[in-house]
Amino acid sequence: KEEAEKMSVEVESQQNAINERKEKAQIELDEAEPALISAKNSVKGIKKRDLDEIRNLGRPPVNVKLTLECVAIMLGQKSVEWADVRKLLAKPDFIPNILSFD
């Protein structure tokens, strides 16, 4: 009986710790969600002509190139050479893939 009571106290302690972490994670998620919604709305606003303009740059600005390399990696591209990133930008499902990324 003593052992069962000790285990019960330990389980309750662990459950309290789990609940605290869960609450903290929910608060962080609630804080991050508006940024996610804003980012998705920004991506939805990208037009094909914008992508074409970037794609036609022989030597894009460093920050543009770095950002698109990160997006390529995020979307599972093996190569992040500019020529391959340009091909990725030309795909009709580029924006939908970003929006549906999970």
Protein backbone atom coordinates (compact mmCIF):
# COMPACT_ATOMS: atom_id res chain seq x y z
CA LYS A 1 0.00 0.00 0.00
CA GLU A 2 2.85 2.38 0.84
CA GLU A 3 4.46 1.72 -2.52
CA ALA A 4 1.19 2.46 -4.30
CA GLU A 5 0.85 5.76 -2.44
CA LYS A 6 4.44 6.72 -3.35
CA MET A 7 3.75 5.90 -6.98
CA SER A 8 0.51 7.88 -6.89
CA VAL A 9 2.34 10.94 -5.54
CA GLU A 10 5.06 10.56 -8.19
CA VAL A 11 2.51 10.18 -10.97
CA GLU A 12 0.65 13.26 -9.75
CA SER A 13 3.90 15.22 -9.65
CA GLN A 14 4.75 14.16 -13.20
CA GLN A 15 1.25 15.04 -14.37
CA ASN A 16 1.59 18.52 -12.86
CA ALA A 17 4.92 19.02 -14.64
CA ILE A 18 3.36 17.85 -17.92
CA ASN A 19 0.44 20.24 -17.49
CA GLU A 20 2.82 23.15 -16.83
CA ARG A 21 4.83 22.37 -19.98
CA LYS A 22 1.60 22.01 -21.95
CA GLU A 23 0.37 25.42 -20.77
CA LYS A 24 3.71 27.03 -21.62
CA ALA A 25 3.72 25.45 -25.07
CA GLN A 26 0.16 26.66 -25.71
CA ILE A 27 1.09 30.21 -24.71
CA GLU A 28 4.06 30.14 -27.10
CA LEU A 29 1.87 28.74 -29.86
CA ASP A 30 -0.75 31.43 -29.29
CA GLU A 31 1.98 34.08 -29.56
CA ALA A 32 3.42 32.60 -32.77
CA GLU A 33 0.13 32.00 -34.60
CA PRO A 34 -0.46 35.63 -35.69
CA ALA A 35 3.01 35.69 -37.28
CA LEU A 36 2.22 32.48 -39.15
CA ILE A 37 -1.06 33.89 -40.44
CA SER A 38 0.67 37.10 -41.51
CA ALA A 39 3.40 35.15 -43.31
CA LYS A 40 0.84 33.00 -45.15
CA ASN A 41 -1.06 36.10 -46.25
CA SER A 42 2.19 37.64 -47.50
CA VAL A 43 3.01 34.51 -49.50
CA LYS A 44 -0.51 34.50 -50.98
CA GLY A 45 0.19 38.01 -52.24
CA ILE A 46 3.17 36.94 -54.33
CA LYS A 47 2.36 37.16 -58.02
CA LYS A 48 3.80 35.10 -60.86
CA ARG A 49 5.40 38.24 -62.30
CA ASP A 50 7.23 38.75 -58.98
CA LEU A 51 8.63 35.23 -59.15
CA ASP A 52 9.53 35.70 -62.82
CA GLU A 53 11.42 38.88 -61.96
CA ILE A 54 13.46 37.12 -59.30
CA ARG A 55 13.96 34.07 -61.48
CA ASN A 56 15.40 36.22 -64.27
CA LEU A 57 18.09 37.67 -62.03
CA GLY A 58 21.48 36.28 -63.01
CA ARG A 59 22.97 37.32 -59.70
CA PRO A 60 20.27 38.00 -57.12
CA PRO A 61 20.96 40.05 -54.00
CA VAL A 62 22.57 37.94 -51.29
CA ASN A 63 19.56 38.08 -48.95
CA VAL A 64 17.16 37.06 -51.73
CA LYS A 65 19.39 34.17 -52.74
CA LEU A 66 19.85 33.01 -49.13
CA THR A 67 16.11 33.19 -48.43
CA LEU A 68 15.22 31.21 -51.54
CA GLU A 69 17.91 28.63 -50.79
CA CYS A 70 16.29 28.16 -47.37
CA VAL A 71 12.86 27.79 -48.98
CA ALA A 72 14.29 25.23 -51.42
CA ILE A 73 15.72 23.21 -48.54
CA MET A 74 12.44 23.50 -46.66
CA LEU A 75 10.61 22.12 -49.70
CA GLY A 76 12.99 19.16 -49.92
CA GLN A 77 15.21 20.24 -52.82
CA LYS A 78 18.50 18.39 -52.94
CA SER A 79 20.43 21.19 -54.65
CA VAL A 80 20.34 24.86 -53.78
CA GLU A 81 22.36 26.06 -56.75
CA TRP A 82 20.80 29.21 -58.20
CA ALA A 83 19.94 27.40 -61.46
CA ASP A 84 17.97 24.80 -59.49
CA VAL A 85 16.28 27.44 -57.33
CA ARG A 86 15.23 29.23 -60.54
CA LYS A 87 13.62 25.99 -61.78
CA LEU A 88 11.80 25.69 -58.47
CA LEU A 89 10.45 29.24 -58.85
CA ALA A 90 9.10 28.34 -62.29
CA LYS A 91 7.00 25.47 -61.01
CA PRO A 92 3.26 26.24 -60.93
CA ASP A 93 2.93 24.64 -57.50
CA PHE A 94 5.71 26.70 -55.85
CA ILE A 95 3.39 28.98 -53.84
CA PRO A 96 0.85 26.24 -52.99
CA ASN A 97 3.72 24.06 -51.71
CA ILE A 98 4.86 26.84 -49.40
CA LEU A 99 1.32 27.48 -48.16
CA SER A 100 0.71 23.80 -47.48
CA PHE A 101 4.07 23.24 -45.79
CA ASP A 102 3.61 21.63 -42.41
